C-alpha atoms as a PDB file:
ATOM      1  CA  MET A   1       7.114  -6.121  10.035  1.00  0.00           C
ATOM      2  CA  LYS A   2       7.186  -2.354   9.741  1.00  0.00           C
ATOM      3  CA  GLU A   3       7.777  -0.053   6.912  1.00  0.00           C
ATOM      4  CA  ILE A   4       9.887   3.098   7.539  1.00  0.00           C
ATOM      5  CA  LYS A   5       9.284   5.920   5.354  1.00  0.00           C
ATOM      6  CA  ALA A   6      11.293   9.305   5.163  1.00  0.00           C
ATOM      7  CA  ILE A   7      11.375  12.407   3.325  1.00  0.00           C
ATOM      8  CA  ILE A   8      15.056  13.854   3.532  1.00  0.00           C
ATOM      9  CA  ARG A   9      17.169  16.350   2.284  1.00  0.00           C
ATOM     10  CA  PRO A  10      19.304  15.104  -0.919  1.00  0.00           C
ATOM     11  CA  ASN A  11      22.586  15.991   0.616  1.00  0.00           C
ATOM     12  CA  LYS A  12      21.906  13.585   3.583  1.00  0.00           C
ATOM     13  CA  LEU A  13      21.498  10.649   1.560  1.00  0.00           C
ATOM     14  CA  ALA A  14      25.088   9.411   1.364  1.00  0.00           C
ATOM     15  CA  ALA A  15      25.620   9.805   5.073  1.00  0.00           C
ATOM     16  CA  LEU A  16      22.313   8.134   5.792  1.00  0.00           C
ATOM     17  CA  ARG A  17      23.216   5.187   3.506  1.00  0.00           C
ATOM     18  CA  GLU A  18      26.556   4.965   5.289  1.00  0.00           C
ATOM     19  CA  ALA A  19      24.889   4.968   8.902  1.00  0.00           C
ATOM     20  CA  LEU A  20      22.150   2.361   7.843  1.00  0.00           C
ATOM     21  CA  VAL A  21      24.281  -0.309   6.205  1.00  0.00           C
ATOM     22  CA  VAL A  22      26.194  -0.844   9.229  1.00  0.00           C
ATOM     23  CA  LEU A  23      22.978  -1.609  11.275  1.00  0.00           C
ATOM     24  CA  PRO A  24      22.676  -5.366  12.023  1.00  0.00           C
ATOM     25  CA  GLY A  25      19.526  -6.431  10.268  1.00  0.00           C
ATOM     26  CA  PHE A  26      19.340  -3.561   7.880  1.00  0.00           C
ATOM     27  CA  PRO A  27      17.399  -5.071   4.802  1.00  0.00           C
ATOM     28  CA  GLY A  28      18.159  -2.261   2.251  1.00  0.00           C
ATOM     29  CA  MET A  29      16.125   0.508   1.210  1.00  0.00           C
ATOM     30  CA  THR A  30      14.391   2.106  -1.999  1.00  0.00           C
ATOM     31  CA  VAL A  31      15.045   5.650  -2.863  1.00  0.00           C
ATOM     32  CA  SER A  32      13.108   8.176  -5.013  1.00  0.00           C
ATOM     33  CA  LYS A  33      13.372  11.723  -5.933  1.00  0.00           C
ATOM     34  CA  VAL A  34      10.525  13.791  -4.833  1.00  0.00           C
ATOM     35  CA  GLU A  35       9.678  17.346  -4.398  1.00  0.00           C
ATOM     36  CA  GLY A  36       7.721  19.074  -1.705  1.00  0.00           C
ATOM     37  CA  CYS A  37       6.725  22.130   0.386  1.00  0.00           C
ATOM     38  CA  SER A  38       5.840  22.515   3.966  1.00  0.00           C
ATOM     39  CA  ALA A  39       2.952  24.563   5.370  1.00  0.00           C
ATOM     40  CA  PRO A  40       3.388  28.283   4.625  1.00  0.00           C
ATOM     41  CA  THR A  41       2.915  29.192   8.278  1.00  0.00           C
ATOM     42  CA  ARG A  42       5.969  27.565   9.231  1.00  0.00           C
ATOM     43  CA  HIS A  43       8.597  29.551   7.329  1.00  0.00           C
ATOM     44  CA  VAL A  44       7.030  32.161   4.918  1.00  0.00           C
ATOM     45  CA  THR A  45       6.519  35.689   6.548  1.00  0.00           C
ATOM     46  CA  THR A  46       5.669  37.573   3.321  1.00  0.00           C
ATOM     47  CA  ARG A  47       2.891  36.921   1.122  1.00  0.00           C
ATOM     48  CA  GLN A  48       3.816  35.088  -2.205  1.00  0.00           C
ATOM     49  CA  THR A  49       2.224  35.409  -5.726  1.00  0.00           C
ATOM     50  CA  ILE A  50       0.343  32.650  -7.194  1.00  0.00           C
ATOM     51  CA  LYS A  51       3.500  31.910  -9.454  1.00  0.00           C
ATOM     52  CA  GLU A  52       5.798  31.478  -6.412  1.00  0.00           C
ATOM     53  CA  GLU A  53       3.346  29.394  -4.621  1.00  0.00           C
ATOM     54  CA  LEU A  54       3.100  26.976  -7.617  1.00  0.00           C
ATOM     55  CA  THR A  55       6.846  26.703  -8.121  1.00  0.00           C
ATOM     56  CA  ASP A  56       8.137  26.870  -4.429  1.00  0.00           C
ATOM     57  CA  TYR A  57       8.835  23.137  -4.255  1.00  0.00           C
ATOM     58  CA  THR A  58      12.085  21.861  -2.748  1.00  0.00           C
ATOM     59  CA  PRO A  59      13.820  18.773  -3.971  1.00  0.00           C
ATOM     60  CA  LYS A  60      13.648  15.974  -1.333  1.00  0.00           C
ATOM     61  CA  VAL A  61      14.595  12.248  -1.282  1.00  0.00           C
ATOM     62  CA  ARG A  62      12.062   9.568  -0.233  1.00  0.00           C
ATOM     63  CA  ILE A  63      13.208   6.527   1.452  1.00  0.00           C
ATOM     64  CA  GLU A  64      11.194   3.334   1.948  1.00  0.00           C
ATOM     65  CA  ILE A  65      12.532   0.489   4.025  1.00  0.00           C
ATOM     66  CA  VAL A  66      10.621  -2.677   5.041  1.00  0.00           C
ATOM     67  CA  ALA A  67      12.117  -4.295   8.014  1.00  0.00           C
ATOM     68  CA  PRO A  68      11.607  -6.815  10.756  1.00  0.00           C
ATOM     69  CA  ASP A  69       9.966  -5.359  13.900  1.00  0.00           C
ATOM     70  CA  GLU A  70      13.197  -5.674  15.986  1.00  0.00           C
ATOM     71  CA  VAL A  71      15.453  -3.447  13.693  1.00  0.00           C
ATOM     72  CA  ALA A  72      12.547  -1.024  12.724  1.00  0.00           C
ATOM     73  CA  GLU A  73      13.123   1.294  15.712  1.00  0.00           C
ATOM     74  CA  SER A  74      16.868   1.599  15.405  1.00  0.00           C
ATOM     75  CA  ILE A  75      16.421   2.287  11.637  1.00  0.00           C
ATOM     76  CA  PHE A  76      13.910   5.069  12.563  1.00  0.00           C
ATOM     77  CA  ALA A  77      16.195   6.570  15.226  1.00  0.00           C
ATOM     78  CA  ARG A  78      19.269   6.468  12.833  1.00  0.00           C
ATOM     79  CA  VAL A  79      17.287   8.471  10.114  1.00  0.00           C
ATOM     80  CA  ILE A  80      16.420  11.087  12.607  1.00  0.00           C
ATOM     81  CA  GLU A  81      19.876  11.172  13.922  1.00  0.00           C
ATOM     82  CA  VAL A  82      21.715  11.554  10.713  1.00  0.00           C
ATOM     83  CA  ALA A  83      18.947  13.518   8.471  1.00  0.00           C
ATOM     84  CA  GLN A  84      18.484  16.385  10.852  1.00  0.00           C
ATOM     85  CA  THR A  85      20.157  19.928  10.444  1.00  0.00           C
ATOM     86  CA  GLY A  86      18.059  21.942  12.936  1.00  0.00           C
ATOM     87  CA  HIS A  87      16.208  23.802  10.199  1.00  0.00           C
ATOM     88  CA  TYR A  88      12.752  23.783   8.875  1.00  0.00           C
ATOM     89  CA  GLY A  89      12.639  21.384   5.855  1.00  0.00           C
ATOM     90  CA  ASP A  90      14.591  18.547   7.416  1.00  0.00           C
ATOM     91  CA  GLY A  91      12.041  16.154   6.553  1.00  0.00           C
ATOM     92  CA  LEU A  92       9.776  13.799   8.056  1.00  0.00           C
ATOM     93  CA  VAL A  93      10.134  10.062   9.117  1.00  0.00           C
ATOM     94  CA  TRP A  94       7.225   7.557  10.076  1.00  0.00           C
ATOM     95  CA  ILE A  95       6.511   3.952  10.684  1.00  0.00           C
ATOM     96  CA  THR A  96       3.456   1.850   9.446  1.00  0.00           C
ATOM     97  CA  GLU A  97       2.553  -1.673  10.172  1.00  0.00           C
ATOM     98  CA  VAL A  98       3.126  -4.155   7.303  1.00  0.00           C
ATOM     99  CA  GLU A  99       0.809  -7.071   7.270  1.00  0.00           C
ATOM    100  CA  LYS A 100       2.846  -9.147   4.747  1.00  0.00           C
ATOM    101  CA  ALA A 101       5.840  -8.803   2.398  1.00  0.00           C
ATOM    102  CA  ALA A 102       8.098 -11.051   0.381  1.00  0.00           C
ATOM    103  CA  PHE A 103      11.155 -10.870  -1.770  1.00  0.00           C
ATOM    104  CA  VAL A 104      10.214 -11.381  -5.454  1.00  0.00           C
ATOM    105  CA  PHE A 105      12.889 -13.541  -7.001  1.00  0.00           C
ATOM    106  CA  LYS A 106      13.080 -16.850  -8.924  1.00  0.00           C
ATOM    107  CA  THR A 107      14.865 -19.908  -7.405  1.00  0.00           C
ATOM    108  CA  THR A 108      16.337 -22.708  -9.279  1.00  0.00           C
ATOM    109  CA  PRO A 109      14.906 -26.121  -8.491  1.00  0.00           C
ATOM    110  CA  GLY A 110      15.979 -27.658  -5.174  1.00  0.00           C
ATOM    111  CA  GLU A 111      17.013 -24.147  -3.836  1.00  0.00           C
ATOM    112  CA  GLU A 112      13.897 -23.421  -1.836  1.00  0.00           C
END
């Protein structure tokens, strides 16, 4: 199993969800609101004040998906395809190995 994590622009979330739910084997996702900033050398050309540096965070969305190996690459590629705008700050996507995962739910006797 793999875990696909992504930090994307909030305005890309609806389109990404639509693109992922049609993928065969898509297991669902968890979404969190986060804030972040990129390295200053990537986009800042003027020196900022301390106040600007401490408040210069952009709203983002963090997506977490645990998926079988056979669909992880297609999910990864779809996130990149949908989330990109061609500008700095589009986000980041990465995959990590998951040793073990299980859904947490209660079954009624005899439904195992």
